[in-house]
């Protein structure tokens, strides 16, 4: 039997950018530790327009994302998780991620 631990933090908001500070310190730490232990660490951002961005947390960090920085549409696409095709969602409530 095999499997992989997956941790995803999901954020929504009214801004066209996702600020580092939207995640609490314990959420950043959990994503970091999960990755360090071989798990998949994802940050899911639902934009005000209903777009769903599923991003690799380690990929975001490798771009220099840190306190005081934000994720915009271009960075979200650059760090998209390989297992999910990026696409707009119909609405927040009806967003279905194609796993």
PDB file of N, CA and C in Angstrom:
ATOM      1  N   UNK A   1       0.839  -1.179   0.000  1.00  0.00           N
ATOM      2  CA  UNK A   1       0.000   0.000   0.000  1.00  0.00           C
ATOM      3  C   UNK A   1       0.885   1.243   0.000  1.00  0.00           C
ATOM      4  N   UNK A   2       0.542   2.206  -0.837  1.00  0.00           N
ATOM      5  CA  UNK A   2       1.311   3.437  -0.884  1.00  0.00           C
ATOM      6  C   UNK A   2       0.368   4.619  -0.970  1.00  0.00           C
ATOM      7  N   UNK A   3       0.890   5.750  -0.689  1.00  0.00           N
ATOM      8  CA  UNK A   3       0.102   6.971  -0.750  1.00  0.00           C
ATOM      9  C   UNK A   3       0.996   8.156  -0.483  1.00  0.00           C
ATOM     10  N   UNK A   4       0.444   9.301  -0.592  1.00  0.00           N
ATOM     11  CA  UNK A   4       1.189  10.527  -0.347  1.00  0.00           C
ATOM     12  C   UNK A   4       0.303  11.475   0.426  1.00  0.00           C
ATOM     13  N   UNK A   5       0.890  12.059   1.447  1.00  0.00           N
ATOM     14  CA  UNK A   5       0.176  13.045   2.246  1.00  0.00           C
ATOM     15  C   UNK A   5       0.050  14.334   1.442  1.00  0.00           C
ATOM     16  N   UNK A   6      -1.139  14.921   1.442  1.00  0.00           N
ATOM     17  CA  UNK A   6      -1.387  16.177   0.740  1.00  0.00           C
ATOM     18  C   UNK A   6      -1.961  17.170   1.734  1.00  0.00           C
ATOM     19  N   UNK A   7      -1.346  18.337   1.793  1.00  0.00           N
ATOM     20  CA  UNK A   7      -1.845  19.422   2.636  1.00  0.00           C
ATOM     21  C   UNK A   7      -2.120  20.607   1.737  1.00  0.00           C
ATOM     22  N   UNK A   8      -3.333  21.114   1.791  1.00  0.00           N
ATOM     23  CA  UNK A   8      -3.704  22.282   0.983  1.00  0.00           C
ATOM     24  C   UNK A   8      -4.319  23.343   1.887  1.00  0.00           C
ATOM     25  N   UNK A   9      -3.823  24.543   1.778  1.00  0.00           N
ATOM     26  CA  UNK A   9      -4.416  25.708   2.431  1.00  0.00           C
ATOM     27  C   UNK A   9      -5.174  26.458   1.350  1.00  0.00           C
ATOM     28  N   UNK A  10      -6.426  26.808   1.632  1.00  0.00           N
ATOM     29  CA  UNK A  10      -7.273  27.483   0.647  1.00  0.00           C
ATOM     30  C   UNK A  10      -7.567  28.892   1.139  1.00  0.00           C
ATOM     31  N   UNK A  11      -7.348  29.868   0.262  1.00  0.00           N
ATOM     32  CA  UNK A  11      -7.586  31.268   0.595  1.00  0.00           C
ATOM     33  C   UNK A  11      -8.448  31.922  -0.472  1.00  0.00           C
ATOM     34  N   UNK A  12      -9.363  32.753  -0.022  1.00  0.00           N
ATOM     35  CA  UNK A  12     -10.162  33.594  -0.912  1.00  0.00           C
ATOM     36  C   UNK A  12      -9.971  35.029  -0.457  1.00  0.00           C
ATOM     37  N   UNK A  13     -10.440  35.948  -1.239  1.00  0.00           N
ATOM     38  CA  UNK A  13     -10.317  37.343  -0.836  1.00  0.00           C
ATOM     39  C   UNK A  13     -10.872  38.264  -1.889  1.00  0.00           C
ATOM     40  N   UNK A  14     -10.824  39.534  -1.589  1.00  0.00           N
ATOM     41  CA  UNK A  14     -11.351  40.551  -2.498  1.00  0.00           C
ATOM     42  C   UNK A  14     -10.247  41.264  -3.269  1.00  0.00           C
ATOM     43  N   UNK A  15      -9.001  40.856  -3.060  1.00  0.00           N
ATOM     44  CA  UNK A  15      -7.878  41.486  -3.748  1.00  0.00           C
ATOM     45  C   UNK A  15      -7.460  40.675  -4.966  1.00  0.00           C
ATOM     46  N   UNK A  16      -6.799  41.347  -5.908  1.00  0.00           N
ATOM     47  CA  UNK A  16      -6.258  40.667  -7.084  1.00  0.00           C
ATOM     48  C   UNK A  16      -4.871  40.101  -6.811  1.00  0.00           C
ATOM     49  N   UNK A  17      -4.470  40.122  -5.547  1.00  0.00           N
ATOM     50  CA  UNK A  17      -3.188  39.563  -5.121  1.00  0.00           C
ATOM     51  C   UNK A  17      -3.407  38.815  -3.819  1.00  0.00           C
ATOM     52  N   UNK A  18      -2.629  37.773  -3.633  1.00  0.00           N
ATOM     53  CA  UNK A  18      -2.670  37.019  -2.382  1.00  0.00           C
ATOM     54  C   UNK A  18      -1.428  37.391  -1.582  1.00  0.00           C
ATOM     55  N   UNK A  19      -1.634  38.090  -0.484  1.00  0.00           N
ATOM     56  CA  UNK A  19      -0.535  38.549   0.364  1.00  0.00           C
ATOM     57  C   UNK A  19      -0.003  37.408   1.227  1.00  0.00           C
ATOM     58  N   UNK A  20       1.319  37.391   1.448  1.00  0.00           N
ATOM     59  CA  UNK A  20       1.964  36.407   2.327  1.00  0.00           C
ATOM     60  C   UNK A  20       1.243  36.354   3.672  1.00  0.00           C
ATOM     61  N   UNK A  21       0.895  37.494   4.210  1.00  0.00           N
ATOM     62  CA  UNK A  21       0.279  37.590   5.531  1.00  0.00           C
ATOM     63  C   UNK A  21      -1.124  37.003   5.628  1.00  0.00           C
ATOM     64  N   UNK A  22      -1.742  36.653   4.499  1.00  0.00           N
ATOM     65  CA  UNK A  22      -3.059  36.005   4.555  1.00  0.00           C
ATOM     66  C   UNK A  22      -2.963  34.624   5.184  1.00  0.00           C
ATOM     67  N   UNK A  23      -1.789  34.012   5.114  1.00  0.00           N
ATOM     68  CA  UNK A  23      -1.553  32.738   5.805  1.00  0.00           C
ATOM     69  C   UNK A  23      -0.959  33.052   7.166  1.00  0.00           C
ATOM     70  N   UNK A  24      -1.453  32.382   8.165  1.00  0.00           N
ATOM     71  CA  UNK A  24      -0.916  32.572   9.518  1.00  0.00           C
ATOM     72  C   UNK A  24       0.392  31.799   9.635  1.00  0.00           C
ATOM     73  N   UNK A  25       1.233  32.186  10.594  1.00  0.00           N
ATOM     74  CA  UNK A  25       2.524  31.509  10.741  1.00  0.00           C
ATOM     75  C   UNK A  25       2.416  29.990  10.863  1.00  0.00           C
ATOM     76  N   UNK A  26       1.420  29.499  11.595  1.00  0.00           N
ATOM     77  CA  UNK A  26       1.306  28.041  11.740  1.00  0.00           C
ATOM     78  C   UNK A  26       0.933  27.365  10.419  1.00  0.00           C
ATOM     79  N   UNK A  27       0.260  28.081   9.518  1.00  0.00           N
ATOM     80  CA  UNK A  27      -0.089  27.520   8.220  1.00  0.00           C
ATOM     81  C   UNK A  27       1.159  27.427   7.331  1.00  0.00           C
ATOM     82  N   UNK A  28       1.982  28.475   7.347  1.00  0.00           N
ATOM     83  CA  UNK A  28       3.249  28.423   6.602  1.00  0.00           C
ATOM     84  C   UNK A  28       4.108  27.266   7.131  1.00  0.00           C
ATOM     85  N   UNK A  29       4.179  27.131   8.446  1.00  0.00           N
ATOM     86  CA  UNK A  29       5.004  26.083   9.047  1.00  0.00           C
ATOM     87  C   UNK A  29       4.484  24.693   8.690  1.00  0.00           C
ATOM     88  N   UNK A  30       3.178  24.501   8.722  1.00  0.00           N
ATOM     89  CA  UNK A  30       2.605  23.193   8.386  1.00  0.00           C
ATOM     90  C   UNK A  30       2.895  22.832   6.932  1.00  0.00           C
ATOM     91  N   UNK A  31       2.770  23.789   6.025  1.00  0.00           N
ATOM     92  CA  UNK A  31       3.076  23.529   4.615  1.00  0.00           C
ATOM     93  C   UNK A  31       4.554  23.192   4.437  1.00  0.00           C
ATOM     94  N   UNK A  32       5.421  23.912   5.131  1.00  0.00           N
ATOM     95  CA  UNK A  32       6.856  23.659   5.042  1.00  0.00           C
ATOM     96  C   UNK A  32       7.212  22.271   5.580  1.00  0.00           C
ATOM     97  N   UNK A  33       6.684  21.930   6.747  1.00  0.00           N
ATOM     98  CA  UNK A  33       6.975  20.633   7.351  1.00  0.00           C
ATOM     99  C   UNK A  33       6.418  19.475   6.523  1.00  0.00           C
ATOM    100  N   UNK A  34       5.225  19.653   6.000  1.00  0.00           N
ATOM    101  CA  UNK A  34       4.622  18.611   5.171  1.00  0.00           C
ATOM    102  C   UNK A  34       5.514  18.316   3.970  1.00  0.00           C
ATOM    103  N   UNK A  35       6.005  19.364   3.328  1.00  0.00           N
ATOM    104  CA  UNK A  35       6.898  19.189   2.184  1.00  0.00           C
ATOM    105  C   UNK A  35       8.209  18.519   2.609  1.00  0.00           C
ATOM    106  N   UNK A  36       8.758  18.965   3.743  1.00  0.00           N
ATOM    107  CA  UNK A  36      10.016  18.409   4.232  1.00  0.00           C
ATOM    108  C   UNK A  36       9.901  16.913   4.521  1.00  0.00           C
ATOM    109  N   UNK A  37       8.693  16.462   4.860  1.00  0.00           N
ATOM    110  CA  UNK A  37       8.458  15.043   5.155  1.00  0.00           C
ATOM    111  C   UNK A  37       8.035  14.251   3.923  1.00  0.00           C
ATOM    112  N   UNK A  38       8.115  14.860   2.740  1.00  0.00           N
ATOM    113  CA  UNK A  38       7.810  14.149   1.507  1.00  0.00           C
ATOM    114  C   UNK A  38       6.388  14.301   1.014  1.00  0.00           C
ATOM    115  N   UNK A  39       5.605  15.138   1.673  1.00  0.00           N
ATOM    116  CA  UNK A  39       4.215  15.339   1.257  1.00  0.00           C
ATOM    117  C   UNK A  39       4.096  16.391   0.165  1.00  0.00           C
ATOM    118  N   UNK A  40       2.899  16.522  -0.364  1.00  0.00           N
ATOM    119  CA  UNK A  40       2.575  17.544  -1.362  1.00  0.00           C
ATOM    120  C   UNK A  40       1.952  18.718  -0.614  1.00  0.00           C
ATOM    121  N   UNK A  41       2.566  19.890  -0.719  1.00  0.00           N
ATOM    122  CA  UNK A  41       2.070  21.096  -0.050  1.00  0.00           C
ATOM    123  C   UNK A  41       1.551  22.063  -1.101  1.00  0.00           C
ATOM    124  N   UNK A  42       0.264  22.358  -1.000  1.00  0.00           N
ATOM    125  CA  UNK A  42      -0.404  23.195  -1.994  1.00  0.00           C
ATOM    126  C   UNK A  42      -1.027  24.430  -1.360  1.00  0.00           C
ATOM    127  N   UNK A  43      -1.001  25.517  -2.092  1.00  0.00           N
ATOM    128  CA  UNK A  43      -1.726  26.721  -1.714  1.00  0.00           C
ATOM    129  C   UNK A  43      -2.766  26.954  -2.804  1.00  0.00           C
ATOM    130  N   UNK A  44      -4.018  26.981  -2.405  1.00  0.00           N
ATOM    131  CA  UNK A  44      -5.120  27.171  -3.355  1.00  0.00           C
ATOM    132  C   UNK A  44      -5.671  28.579  -3.142  1.00  0.00           C
ATOM    133  N   UNK A  45      -5.701  29.357  -4.216  1.00  0.00           N
ATOM    134  CA  UNK A  45      -6.178  30.738  -4.153  1.00  0.00           C
ATOM    135  C   UNK A  45      -7.366  30.882  -5.093  1.00  0.00           C
ATOM    136  N   UNK A  46      -8.499  31.287  -4.542  1.00  0.00           N
ATOM    137  CA  UNK A  46      -9.695  31.574  -5.337  1.00  0.00           C
ATOM    138  C   UNK A  46      -9.784  33.088  -5.444  1.00  0.00           C
ATOM    139  N   UNK A  47      -9.604  33.597  -6.655  1.00  0.00           N
ATOM    140  CA  UNK A  47      -9.577  35.045  -6.877  1.00  0.00           C
ATOM    141  C   UNK A  47     -10.993  35.618  -6.803  1.00  0.00           C
ATOM    142  N   UNK A  48     -11.111  36.943  -6.697  1.00  0.00           N
ATOM    143  CA  UNK A  48     -12.441  37.563  -6.689  1.00  0.00           C
ATOM    144  C   UNK A  48     -13.240  37.263  -7.969  1.00  0.00           C
ATOM    145  N   UNK A  49     -12.543  36.958  -9.071  1.00  0.00           N
ATOM    146  CA  UNK A  49     -13.219  36.634 -10.332  1.00  0.00           C
ATOM    147  C   UNK A  49     -13.627  35.166 -10.396  1.00  0.00           C
ATOM    148  N   UNK A  50     -13.282  34.402  -9.372  1.00  0.00           N
ATOM    149  CA  UNK A  50     -13.653  32.995  -9.339  1.00  0.00           C
ATOM    150  C   UNK A  50     -12.630  32.054  -9.947  1.00  0.00           C
ATOM    151  N   UNK A  51     -11.468  32.566 -10.327  1.00  0.00           N
ATOM    152  CA  UNK A  51     -10.407  31.694 -10.834  1.00  0.00           C
ATOM    153  C   UNK A  51      -9.827  30.897  -9.672  1.00  0.00           C
ATOM    154  N   UNK A  52      -9.525  29.635  -9.922  1.00  0.00           N
ATOM    155  CA  UNK A  52      -8.925  28.780  -8.907  1.00  0.00           C
ATOM    156  C   UNK A  52      -7.486  28.492  -9.313  1.00  0.00           C
ATOM    157  N   UNK A  53      -6.554  28.910  -8.475  1.00  0.00           N
ATOM    158  CA  UNK A  53      -5.130  28.652  -8.715  1.00  0.00           C
ATOM    159  C   UNK A  53      -4.653  27.660  -7.668  1.00  0.00           C
ATOM    160  N   UNK A  54      -4.190  26.516  -8.121  1.00  0.00           N
ATOM    161  CA  UNK A  54      -3.617  25.505  -7.233  1.00  0.00           C
ATOM    162  C   UNK A  54      -2.110  25.559  -7.452  1.00  0.00           C
ATOM    163  N   UNK A  55      -1.403  26.016  -6.419  1.00  0.00           N
ATOM    164  CA  UNK A  55       0.030  26.272  -6.555  1.00  0.00           C
ATOM    165  C   UNK A  55       0.843  25.375  -5.634  1.00  0.00           C
ATOM    166  N   UNK A  56       2.023  25.037  -6.099  1.00  0.00           N
ATOM    167  CA  UNK A  56       2.983  24.308  -5.284  1.00  0.00           C
ATOM    168  C   UNK A  56       3.595  25.296  -4.294  1.00  0.00           C
ATOM    169  N   UNK A  57       3.441  25.031  -2.998  1.00  0.00           N
ATOM    170  CA  UNK A  57       4.000  25.926  -1.986  1.00  0.00           C
ATOM    171  C   UNK A  57       5.522  26.020  -2.107  1.00  0.00           C
ATOM    172  N   UNK A  58       6.249  24.899  -2.256  1.00  0.00           N
ATOM    173  CA  UNK A  58       7.702  25.011  -2.418  1.00  0.00           C
ATOM    174  C   UNK A  58       8.102  25.825  -3.655  1.00  0.00           C
ATOM    175  N   UNK A  59       7.340  25.714  -4.738  1.00  0.00           N
ATOM    176  CA  UNK A  59       7.642  26.493  -5.938  1.00  0.00           C
ATOM    177  C   UNK A  59       7.486  27.984  -5.661  1.00  0.00           C
ATOM    178  N   UNK A  60       6.450  28.352  -4.896  1.00  0.00           N
ATOM    179  CA  UNK A  60       6.266  29.755  -4.528  1.00  0.00           C
ATOM    180  C   UNK A  60       7.467  30.260  -3.733  1.00  0.00           C
ATOM    181  N   UNK A  61       7.903  29.465  -2.760  1.00  0.00           N
ATOM    182  CA  UNK A  61       9.047  29.882  -1.942  1.00  0.00           C
ATOM    183  C   UNK A  61      10.307  30.030  -2.784  1.00  0.00           C
ATOM    184  N   UNK A  62      10.467  29.161  -3.781  1.00  0.00           N
ATOM    185  CA  UNK A  62      11.668  29.212  -4.620  1.00  0.00           C
ATOM    186  C   UNK A  62      11.721  30.479  -5.476  1.00  0.00           C
ATOM    187  N   UNK A  63      10.591  31.149  -5.659  1.00  0.00           N
ATOM    188  CA  UNK A  63      10.561  32.399  -6.423  1.00  0.00           C
ATOM    189  C   UNK A  63      10.898  33.603  -5.551  1.00  0.00           C
ATOM    190  N   UNK A  64      11.042  33.365  -4.253  1.00  0.00           N
ATOM    191  CA  UNK A  64      11.326  34.471  -3.347  1.00  0.00           C
ATOM    192  C   UNK A  64      10.101  34.998  -2.630  1.00  0.00           C
ATOM    193  N   UNK A  65       8.978  34.288  -2.746  1.00  0.00           N
ATOM    194  CA  UNK A  65       7.765  34.706  -2.036  1.00  0.00           C
ATOM    195  C   UNK A  65       8.025  34.605  -0.541  1.00  0.00           C
ATOM    196  N   UNK A  66       7.796  35.715   0.166  1.00  0.00           N
ATOM    197  CA  UNK A  66       8.061  35.780   1.603  1.00  0.00           C
ATOM    198  C   UNK A  66       7.263  36.934   2.191  1.00  0.00           C
ATOM    199  N   UNK A  67       7.473  37.175   3.483  1.00  0.00           N
ATOM    200  CA  UNK A  67       6.770  38.260   4.166  1.00  0.00           C
ATOM    201  C   UNK A  67       6.939  39.564   3.393  1.00  0.00           C
ATOM    202  N   UNK A  68       5.824  40.269   3.212  1.00  0.00           N
ATOM    203  CA  UNK A  68       5.839  41.520   2.478  1.00  0.00           C
ATOM    204  C   UNK A  68       5.613  41.369   0.986  1.00  0.00           C
ATOM    205  N   UNK A  69       5.560  40.133   0.503  1.00  0.00           N
ATOM    206  CA  UNK A  69       5.365  39.870  -0.926  1.00  0.00           C
ATOM    207  C   UNK A  69       3.949  39.341  -1.166  1.00  0.00           C
ATOM    208  N   UNK A  70       3.557  39.313  -2.440  1.00  0.00           N
ATOM    209  CA  UNK A  70       2.230  38.811  -2.790  1.00  0.00           C
ATOM    210  C   UNK A  70       2.307  37.962  -4.056  1.00  0.00           C
ATOM    211  N   UNK A  71       1.258  37.183  -4.259  1.00  0.00           N
ATOM    212  CA  UNK A  71       1.118  36.360  -5.464  1.00  0.00           C
ATOM    213  C   UNK A  71       0.121  37.057  -6.377  1.00  0.00           C
ATOM    214  N   UNK A  72       0.494  37.260  -7.635  1.00  0.00           N
ATOM    215  CA  UNK A  72      -0.443  37.774  -8.625  1.00  0.00           C
ATOM    216  C   UNK A  72      -0.759  36.647  -9.613  1.00  0.00           C
ATOM    217  N   UNK A  73      -1.557  36.954 -10.616  1.00  0.00           N
ATOM    218  CA  UNK A  73      -1.977  35.934 -11.579  1.00  0.00           C
ATOM    219  C   UNK A  73      -0.775  35.273 -12.267  1.00  0.00           C
ATOM    220  N   UNK A  74       0.196  36.076 -12.672  1.00  0.00           N
ATOM    221  CA  UNK A  74       1.362  35.537 -13.388  1.00  0.00           C
ATOM    222  C   UNK A  74       2.166  34.583 -12.509  1.00  0.00           C
ATOM    223  N   UNK A  75       2.393  34.954 -11.249  1.00  0.00           N
ATOM    224  CA  UNK A  75       3.147  34.087 -10.352  1.00  0.00           C
ATOM    225  C   UNK A  75       2.355  32.826 -10.030  1.00  0.00           C
ATOM    226  N   UNK A  76       1.052  32.968  -9.875  1.00  0.00           N
ATOM    227  CA  UNK A  76       0.212  31.796  -9.621  1.00  0.00           C
ATOM    228  C   UNK A  76       0.310  30.800 -10.773  1.00  0.00           C
ATOM    229  N   UNK A  77       0.326  31.285 -11.998  1.00  0.00           N
ATOM    230  CA  UNK A  77       0.453  30.390 -13.157  1.00  0.00           C
ATOM    231  C   UNK A  77       1.842  29.774 -13.230  1.00  0.00           C
ATOM    232  N   UNK A  78       2.870  30.559 -12.902  1.00  0.00           N
ATOM    233  CA  UNK A  78       4.240  30.059 -12.920  1.00  0.00           C
ATOM    234  C   UNK A  78       4.428  28.918 -11.915  1.00  0.00           C
ATOM    235  N   UNK A  79       3.745  29.014 -10.768  1.00  0.00           N
ATOM    236  CA  UNK A  79       3.904  28.028  -9.689  1.00  0.00           C
ATOM    237  C   UNK A  79       2.773  27.004  -9.648  1.00  0.00           C
ATOM    238  N   UNK A  80       2.014  26.921 -10.732  1.00  0.00           N
ATOM    239  CA  UNK A  80       0.894  25.975 -10.771  1.00  0.00           C
ATOM    240  C   UNK A  80       1.381  24.559 -10.506  1.00  0.00           C
ATOM    241  N   UNK A  81       0.617  23.851  -9.699  1.00  0.00           N
ATOM    242  CA  UNK A  81       0.933  22.451  -9.395  1.00  0.00           C
ATOM    243  C   UNK A  81       0.755  21.626 -10.659  1.00  0.00           C
ATOM    244  N   UNK A  82       1.701  20.758 -10.947  1.00  0.00           N
ATOM    245  CA  UNK A  82       1.689  19.960 -12.172  1.00  0.00           C
ATOM    246  C   UNK A  82       0.456  19.082 -12.309  1.00  0.00           C
ATOM    247  N   UNK A  83      -0.169  18.704 -11.203  1.00  0.00           N
ATOM    248  CA  UNK A  83      -1.305  17.783 -11.247  1.00  0.00           C
ATOM    249  C   UNK A  83      -2.638  18.429 -11.538  1.00  0.00           C
ATOM    250  N   UNK A  84      -2.676  19.753 -11.721  1.00  0.00           N
ATOM    251  CA  UNK A  84      -3.954  20.443 -11.931  1.00  0.00           C
ATOM    252  C   UNK A  84      -3.815  21.442 -13.064  1.00  0.00           C
ATOM    253  N   UNK A  85      -4.737  21.357 -14.009  1.00  0.00           N
ATOM    254  CA  UNK A  85      -4.795  22.352 -15.072  1.00  0.00           C
ATOM    255  C   UNK A  85      -5.501  23.584 -14.522  1.00  0.00           C
ATOM    256  N   UNK A  86      -4.916  24.757 -14.704  1.00  0.00           N
ATOM    257  CA  UNK A  86      -5.525  25.990 -14.205  1.00  0.00           C
ATOM    258  C   UNK A  86      -6.722  26.348 -15.081  1.00  0.00           C
ATOM    259  N   UNK A  87      -7.797  26.732 -14.435  1.00  0.00           N
ATOM    260  CA  UNK A  87      -9.006  27.121 -15.169  1.00  0.00           C
ATOM    261  C   UNK A  87      -9.875  27.982 -14.274  1.00  0.00           C
ATOM    262  N   UNK A  88     -10.709  28.830 -14.870  1.00  0.00           N
ATOM    263  CA  UNK A  88     -11.624  29.618 -14.045  1.00  0.00           C
ATOM    264  C   UNK A  88     -12.731  28.731 -13.488  1.00  0.00           C
ATOM    265  N   UNK A  89     -13.173  29.055 -12.300  1.00  0.00           N
ATOM    266  CA  UNK A  89     -14.294  28.337 -11.689  1.00  0.00           C
ATOM    267  C   UNK A  89     -15.577  29.090 -12.016  1.00  0.00           C
ATOM    268  N   UNK A  90     -16.682  28.365 -12.022  1.00  0.00           N
ATOM    269  CA  UNK A  90     -17.974  29.002 -12.289  1.00  0.00           C
ATOM    270  C   UNK A  90     -18.290  30.023 -11.195  1.00  0.00           C
ATOM    271  N   UNK A  91     -18.126  29.622  -9.949  1.00  0.00           N
ATOM    272  CA  UNK A  91     -18.320  30.493  -8.781  1.00  0.00           C
ATOM    273  C   UNK A  91     -17.562  29.871  -7.625  1.00  0.00           C
ATOM    274  N   UNK A  92     -17.358  30.639  -6.572  1.00  0.00           N
ATOM    275  CA  UNK A  92     -16.661  30.119  -5.399  1.00  0.00           C
ATOM    276  C   UNK A  92     -17.315  28.833  -4.907  1.00  0.00           C
ATOM    277  N   UNK A  93     -18.630  28.856  -4.753  1.00  0.00           N
ATOM    278  CA  UNK A  93     -19.337  27.733  -4.148  1.00  0.00           C
ATOM    279  C   UNK A  93     -19.333  26.479  -5.025  1.00  0.00           C
ATOM    280  N   UNK A  94     -19.154  26.645  -6.323  1.00  0.00           N
ATOM    281  CA  UNK A  94     -19.261  25.503  -7.216  1.00  0.00           C
ATOM    282  C   UNK A  94     -17.905  25.091  -7.813  1.00  0.00           C
ATOM    283  N   UNK A  95     -16.827  25.669  -7.299  1.00  0.00           N
ATOM    284  CA  UNK A  95     -15.509  25.320  -7.826  1.00  0.00           C
ATOM    285  C   UNK A  95     -15.205  23.857  -7.557  1.00  0.00           C
ATOM    286  N   UNK A  96     -14.857  23.146  -8.611  1.00  0.00           N
ATOM    287  CA  UNK A  96     -14.490  21.728  -8.501  1.00  0.00           C
ATOM    288  C   UNK A  96     -13.081  21.580  -9.057  1.00  0.00           C
ATOM    289  N   UNK A  97     -12.185  21.061  -8.252  1.00  0.00           N
ATOM    290  CA  UNK A  97     -10.813  20.869  -8.700  1.00  0.00           C
ATOM    291  C   UNK A  97     -10.679  19.511  -9.366  1.00  0.00           C
ATOM    292  N   UNK A  98     -10.138  19.466 -10.583  1.00  0.00           N
ATOM    293  CA  UNK A  98     -10.027  18.212 -11.333  1.00  0.00           C
ATOM    294  C   UNK A  98      -8.835  17.360 -10.873  1.00  0.00           C
ATOM    295  N   UNK A  99      -8.982  16.604  -9.828  1.00  0.00           N
ATOM    296  CA  UNK A  99      -7.890  15.761  -9.358  1.00  0.00           C
ATOM    297  C   UNK A  99      -7.903  14.448 -10.090  1.00  0.00           C
TER     298      UNK A  99
END
